[in-house]
């Protein structure tokens, strides 16, 4: 099975919807039977919060993808810097060291 890594560093922003695109791409890759990990760093961890910048459709899709087996990992330092404490079920705290390992192991890497 092809492994894919999507690294999201950009926060949810309706003016530049990189976070929405990353989530939709993760769904498309899962539909293509790829093993997908969405790694959130920097402002990307804000995707997990209920802010006005994150569209309801993006939050809903992320929840559905988590139920379908999307692996979501978050940089611990970014969580702390952005003040994100509570992680949804299926989302795990991680590190830049793990991101480095995942980049080396992935067949496909996409960054937003």
N, C-alpha and C. Protein backbone atom coordinates (compact mmCIF):
# COMPACT_ATOMS: atom_id res chain seq x y z
N UNK A 1 0.84 -1.17 0.00
CA UNK A 1 0.00 0.00 0.00
C UNK A 1 0.90 1.24 0.00
N UNK A 2 0.51 2.23 -0.75
CA UNK A 2 1.24 3.50 -0.82
C UNK A 2 1.00 4.29 0.45
N UNK A 3 2.07 4.84 1.02
CA UNK A 3 1.92 5.68 2.20
C UNK A 3 2.08 7.14 1.80
N UNK A 4 1.20 7.97 2.33
CA UNK A 4 1.21 9.39 2.02
C UNK A 4 1.27 10.20 3.30
N UNK A 5 2.02 11.27 3.27
CA UNK A 5 2.12 12.19 4.39
C UNK A 5 1.71 13.57 3.90
N UNK A 6 0.76 14.16 4.60
CA UNK A 6 0.35 15.54 4.32
C UNK A 6 0.76 16.36 5.53
N UNK A 7 1.65 17.32 5.31
CA UNK A 7 2.09 18.20 6.40
C UNK A 7 1.38 19.53 6.24
N UNK A 8 0.65 19.91 7.28
CA UNK A 8 -0.09 21.18 7.27
C UNK A 8 0.51 22.11 8.30
N UNK A 9 1.05 23.21 7.83
CA UNK A 9 1.65 24.21 8.69
C UNK A 9 0.79 25.47 8.73
N UNK A 10 -0.10 25.62 7.76
CA UNK A 10 -0.95 26.80 7.65
C UNK A 10 -2.22 26.63 8.48
N UNK A 11 -2.65 27.70 9.07
CA UNK A 11 -3.88 27.69 9.85
C UNK A 11 -5.11 27.76 8.97
N UNK A 12 -6.25 27.46 9.56
CA UNK A 12 -7.51 27.56 8.81
C UNK A 12 -7.81 29.02 8.50
N UNK A 13 -7.97 29.34 7.24
CA UNK A 13 -8.18 30.72 6.82
C UNK A 13 -9.04 30.70 5.57
N UNK A 14 -10.19 31.35 5.62
CA UNK A 14 -11.10 31.33 4.48
C UNK A 14 -10.50 32.07 3.28
N UNK A 15 -9.58 33.02 3.52
CA UNK A 15 -8.95 33.75 2.42
C UNK A 15 -7.92 32.90 1.68
N UNK A 16 -7.30 31.96 2.37
CA UNK A 16 -6.31 31.07 1.77
C UNK A 16 -6.56 29.68 2.34
N UNK A 17 -7.45 28.92 1.73
CA UNK A 17 -7.96 27.67 2.33
C UNK A 17 -7.04 26.46 2.23
N UNK A 18 -5.79 26.62 2.63
CA UNK A 18 -4.85 25.50 2.56
C UNK A 18 -5.26 24.37 3.50
N UNK A 19 -5.76 24.71 4.69
CA UNK A 19 -6.17 23.66 5.63
C UNK A 19 -7.32 22.85 5.05
N UNK A 20 -8.28 23.52 4.47
CA UNK A 20 -9.41 22.82 3.85
C UNK A 20 -8.92 21.92 2.72
N UNK A 21 -8.01 22.41 1.91
CA UNK A 21 -7.47 21.62 0.81
C UNK A 21 -6.73 20.40 1.34
N UNK A 22 -5.96 20.57 2.41
CA UNK A 22 -5.22 19.44 2.99
C UNK A 22 -6.17 18.35 3.47
N UNK A 23 -7.26 18.74 4.12
CA UNK A 23 -8.23 17.76 4.62
C UNK A 23 -8.93 17.06 3.46
N UNK A 24 -9.33 17.81 2.45
CA UNK A 24 -9.99 17.20 1.30
C UNK A 24 -9.04 16.26 0.55
N UNK A 25 -7.77 16.64 0.43
CA UNK A 25 -6.79 15.77 -0.21
C UNK A 25 -6.59 14.50 0.59
N UNK A 26 -6.56 14.61 1.91
CA UNK A 26 -6.45 13.41 2.76
C UNK A 26 -7.60 12.46 2.48
N UNK A 27 -8.80 12.99 2.33
CA UNK A 27 -9.96 12.16 2.02
C UNK A 27 -9.84 11.49 0.66
N UNK A 28 -9.36 12.23 -0.32
CA UNK A 28 -9.18 11.66 -1.66
C UNK A 28 -8.13 10.56 -1.65
N UNK A 29 -7.06 10.76 -0.88
CA UNK A 29 -6.01 9.75 -0.80
C UNK A 29 -6.51 8.49 -0.09
N UNK A 30 -7.31 8.67 0.97
CA UNK A 30 -7.91 7.51 1.64
C UNK A 30 -8.80 6.75 0.68
N UNK A 31 -9.56 7.48 -0.13
CA UNK A 31 -10.45 6.85 -1.11
C UNK A 31 -9.65 6.08 -2.16
N UNK A 32 -8.40 6.48 -2.38
CA UNK A 32 -7.51 5.77 -3.31
C UNK A 32 -6.75 4.65 -2.62
N UNK A 33 -7.22 4.27 -1.43
CA UNK A 33 -6.62 3.17 -0.65
C UNK A 33 -5.16 3.42 -0.27
N UNK A 34 -4.85 4.66 0.04
CA UNK A 34 -3.50 4.99 0.51
C UNK A 34 -3.52 5.05 2.03
N UNK A 35 -2.40 4.74 2.63
CA UNK A 35 -2.20 4.88 4.06
C UNK A 35 -1.80 6.33 4.29
N UNK A 36 -2.67 7.13 4.92
CA UNK A 36 -2.49 8.58 4.99
C UNK A 36 -2.28 9.05 6.42
N UNK A 37 -1.29 9.92 6.59
CA UNK A 37 -1.07 10.61 7.86
C UNK A 37 -1.14 12.11 7.59
N UNK A 38 -1.96 12.82 8.34
CA UNK A 38 -2.02 14.28 8.30
C UNK A 38 -1.25 14.77 9.52
N UNK A 39 -0.14 15.47 9.28
CA UNK A 39 0.70 15.97 10.37
C UNK A 39 0.49 17.47 10.49
N UNK A 40 0.03 17.91 11.66
CA UNK A 40 -0.26 19.32 11.90
C UNK A 40 0.87 19.96 12.69
N UNK A 41 1.36 21.08 12.20
CA UNK A 41 2.41 21.83 12.88
C UNK A 41 2.10 23.32 12.76
N UNK A 42 2.77 24.13 13.56
CA UNK A 42 2.54 25.58 13.50
C UNK A 42 1.08 25.91 13.68
N UNK A 43 0.58 26.81 12.86
CA UNK A 43 -0.83 27.20 12.95
C UNK A 43 -1.77 26.11 12.43
N UNK A 44 -1.21 25.07 11.83
CA UNK A 44 -2.04 23.96 11.35
C UNK A 44 -2.80 23.28 12.47
N UNK A 45 -2.25 23.32 13.70
CA UNK A 45 -2.96 22.69 14.82
C UNK A 45 -4.27 23.40 15.15
N UNK A 46 -4.41 24.64 14.68
CA UNK A 46 -5.66 25.37 14.92
C UNK A 46 -6.84 24.75 14.17
N UNK A 47 -6.55 23.86 13.24
CA UNK A 47 -7.60 23.12 12.55
C UNK A 47 -8.44 22.32 13.54
N UNK A 48 -7.86 21.99 14.68
CA UNK A 48 -8.54 21.18 15.69
C UNK A 48 -9.43 21.99 16.62
N UNK A 49 -9.40 23.30 16.48
CA UNK A 49 -10.19 24.16 17.36
C UNK A 49 -11.47 24.60 16.66
N UNK A 50 -12.43 25.01 17.44
CA UNK A 50 -13.70 25.49 16.89
C UNK A 50 -13.65 27.00 16.71
N UNK A 51 -12.81 27.45 15.78
CA UNK A 51 -12.73 28.88 15.51
C UNK A 51 -13.59 29.21 14.31
N UNK A 52 -13.90 30.48 14.16
CA UNK A 52 -14.68 30.91 13.01
C UNK A 52 -13.93 30.71 11.70
N UNK A 53 -12.59 30.68 11.78
CA UNK A 53 -11.80 30.53 10.57
C UNK A 53 -11.92 29.12 9.97
N UNK A 54 -12.22 28.13 10.81
CA UNK A 54 -12.37 26.76 10.32
C UNK A 54 -13.82 26.56 9.91
N UNK A 55 -14.04 26.27 8.65
CA UNK A 55 -15.42 26.10 8.18
C UNK A 55 -16.04 24.85 8.79
N UNK A 56 -17.33 24.89 8.94
CA UNK A 56 -18.07 23.75 9.50
C UNK A 56 -17.88 22.52 8.62
N UNK A 57 -17.84 22.70 7.31
CA UNK A 57 -17.68 21.55 6.42
C UNK A 57 -16.30 20.91 6.58
N UNK A 58 -15.27 21.72 6.83
CA UNK A 58 -13.93 21.18 7.04
C UNK A 58 -13.87 20.40 8.35
N UNK A 59 -14.45 20.96 9.42
CA UNK A 59 -14.48 20.25 10.70
C UNK A 59 -15.23 18.94 10.59
N UNK A 60 -16.37 18.97 9.91
CA UNK A 60 -17.17 17.76 9.73
C UNK A 60 -16.41 16.71 8.94
N UNK A 61 -15.78 17.13 7.84
CA UNK A 61 -15.02 16.19 7.01
C UNK A 61 -13.86 15.59 7.79
N UNK A 62 -13.15 16.41 8.57
CA UNK A 62 -12.05 15.89 9.37
C UNK A 62 -12.55 14.82 10.33
N UNK A 63 -13.68 15.06 10.99
CA UNK A 63 -14.26 14.06 11.90
C UNK A 63 -14.61 12.77 11.18
N UNK A 64 -15.19 12.89 10.00
CA UNK A 64 -15.55 11.70 9.22
C UNK A 64 -14.31 10.92 8.80
N UNK A 65 -13.26 11.64 8.41
CA UNK A 65 -12.03 10.97 7.98
C UNK A 65 -11.33 10.28 9.15
N UNK A 66 -11.40 10.88 10.33
CA UNK A 66 -10.85 10.23 11.51
C UNK A 66 -11.57 8.89 11.76
N UNK A 67 -12.88 8.89 11.58
CA UNK A 67 -13.65 7.66 11.76
C UNK A 67 -13.29 6.62 10.71
N UNK A 68 -12.86 7.07 9.53
CA UNK A 68 -12.48 6.15 8.46
C UNK A 68 -11.03 5.68 8.56
N UNK A 69 -10.31 6.19 9.57
CA UNK A 69 -8.96 5.71 9.78
C UNK A 69 -7.85 6.69 9.44
N UNK A 70 -8.18 7.94 9.16
CA UNK A 70 -7.13 8.93 8.92
C UNK A 70 -6.30 9.09 10.18
N UNK A 71 -5.01 8.99 10.04
CA UNK A 71 -4.11 9.20 11.17
C UNK A 71 -3.73 10.68 11.21
N UNK A 72 -3.97 11.31 12.35
CA UNK A 72 -3.64 12.72 12.52
C UNK A 72 -2.68 12.84 13.70
N UNK A 73 -1.53 13.42 13.43
CA UNK A 73 -0.49 13.63 14.43
C UNK A 73 -0.23 15.14 14.52
N UNK A 74 0.14 15.62 15.71
CA UNK A 74 0.36 17.05 15.93
C UNK A 74 1.68 17.30 16.61
N UNK A 75 2.38 18.31 16.18
CA UNK A 75 3.61 18.73 16.83
C UNK A 75 3.28 19.23 18.24
N UNK A 76 3.90 18.62 19.25
CA UNK A 76 3.65 19.01 20.63
C UNK A 76 4.01 20.46 20.92
N UNK A 77 5.11 20.93 20.38
CA UNK A 77 5.52 22.33 20.58
C UNK A 77 4.51 23.29 19.97
N UNK A 78 3.97 22.93 18.81
CA UNK A 78 2.97 23.77 18.16
C UNK A 78 1.66 23.80 18.96
N UNK A 79 1.28 22.65 19.51
CA UNK A 79 0.08 22.61 20.35
C UNK A 79 0.23 23.57 21.52
N UNK A 80 1.39 23.53 22.14
CA UNK A 80 1.65 24.41 23.29
C UNK A 80 1.66 25.88 22.87
N UNK A 81 2.35 26.19 21.78
CA UNK A 81 2.47 27.57 21.30
C UNK A 81 1.11 28.16 20.92
N UNK A 82 0.23 27.33 20.38
CA UNK A 82 -1.09 27.80 19.93
C UNK A 82 -2.16 27.67 21.02
N UNK A 83 -1.78 27.13 22.17
CA UNK A 83 -2.72 27.01 23.28
C UNK A 83 -3.77 25.94 23.08
N UNK A 84 -3.47 24.92 22.29
CA UNK A 84 -4.42 23.83 22.04
C UNK A 84 -4.11 22.73 23.05
N UNK A 85 -5.08 22.43 23.90
CA UNK A 85 -4.88 21.43 24.95
C UNK A 85 -5.66 20.15 24.71
N UNK A 86 -6.89 20.26 24.25
CA UNK A 86 -7.74 19.09 24.07
C UNK A 86 -7.67 18.61 22.62
N UNK A 87 -7.33 17.35 22.47
CA UNK A 87 -7.26 16.75 21.14
C UNK A 87 -8.47 15.86 20.92
N UNK A 88 -9.06 15.92 19.73
CA UNK A 88 -10.18 15.03 19.42
C UNK A 88 -9.74 13.57 19.47
N UNK A 89 -10.68 12.69 19.66
CA UNK A 89 -10.39 11.25 19.63
C UNK A 89 -9.79 10.91 18.27
N UNK A 90 -8.70 10.18 18.30
CA UNK A 90 -8.04 9.77 17.07
C UNK A 90 -6.88 10.67 16.66
N UNK A 91 -6.69 11.78 17.38
CA UNK A 91 -5.59 12.70 17.10
C UNK A 91 -4.55 12.54 18.20
N UNK A 92 -3.27 12.43 17.82
CA UNK A 92 -2.20 12.18 18.78
C UNK A 92 -1.14 13.27 18.74
N UNK A 93 -0.57 13.52 19.91
CA UNK A 93 0.55 14.44 20.03
C UNK A 93 1.80 13.75 19.50
N UNK A 94 2.67 14.52 18.83
CA UNK A 94 3.85 13.95 18.22
C UNK A 94 5.01 14.94 18.34
N UNK A 95 5.98 14.81 17.41
CA UNK A 95 7.17 15.66 17.47
C UNK A 95 7.74 15.86 16.07
N UNK A 96 8.66 16.80 15.97
CA UNK A 96 9.36 17.03 14.71
C UNK A 96 10.25 15.83 14.36
N UNK A 97 10.76 15.16 15.36
CA UNK A 97 11.56 13.96 15.11
C UNK A 97 10.71 12.90 14.40
N UNK A 98 9.48 12.72 14.86
CA UNK A 98 8.60 11.76 14.18
C UNK A 98 8.27 12.23 12.78
N UNK A 99 8.04 13.54 12.60
CA UNK A 99 7.77 14.06 11.27
C UNK A 99 8.93 13.75 10.33
N UNK A 100 10.14 13.94 10.81
CA UNK A 100 11.32 13.63 10.00
C UNK A 100 11.32 12.16 9.58
N UNK A 101 11.02 11.28 10.50
CA UNK A 101 10.98 9.84 10.18
C UNK A 101 9.88 9.53 9.18
N UNK A 102 8.74 10.16 9.34
CA UNK A 102 7.62 9.91 8.43
C UNK A 102 7.92 10.42 7.02
N UNK A 103 8.62 11.55 6.93
CA UNK A 103 8.99 12.07 5.61
C UNK A 103 9.90 11.06 4.91
N UNK A 104 10.84 10.51 5.64
CA UNK A 104 11.77 9.54 5.05
C UNK A 104 11.05 8.26 4.61
N UNK A 105 10.04 7.86 5.36
CA UNK A 105 9.35 6.60 5.08
C UNK A 105 8.23 6.72 4.04
N UNK A 106 7.68 7.91 3.85
CA UNK A 106 6.50 8.07 2.99
C UNK A 106 6.86 7.93 1.50
N UNK A 107 5.91 7.36 0.76
CA UNK A 107 6.04 7.29 -0.69
C UNK A 107 5.72 8.65 -1.32
N UNK A 108 4.77 9.35 -0.71
CA UNK A 108 4.32 10.65 -1.21
C UNK A 108 4.27 11.64 -0.05
N UNK A 109 4.78 12.86 -0.27
CA UNK A 109 4.75 13.90 0.75
C UNK A 109 4.19 15.16 0.11
N UNK A 110 3.20 15.77 0.76
CA UNK A 110 2.61 17.01 0.30
C UNK A 110 2.60 17.98 1.47
N UNK A 111 2.99 19.21 1.22
CA UNK A 111 3.03 20.22 2.30
C UNK A 111 2.13 21.40 1.96
N UNK A 112 1.41 21.87 2.98
CA UNK A 112 0.58 23.06 2.85
C UNK A 112 0.93 24.04 3.94
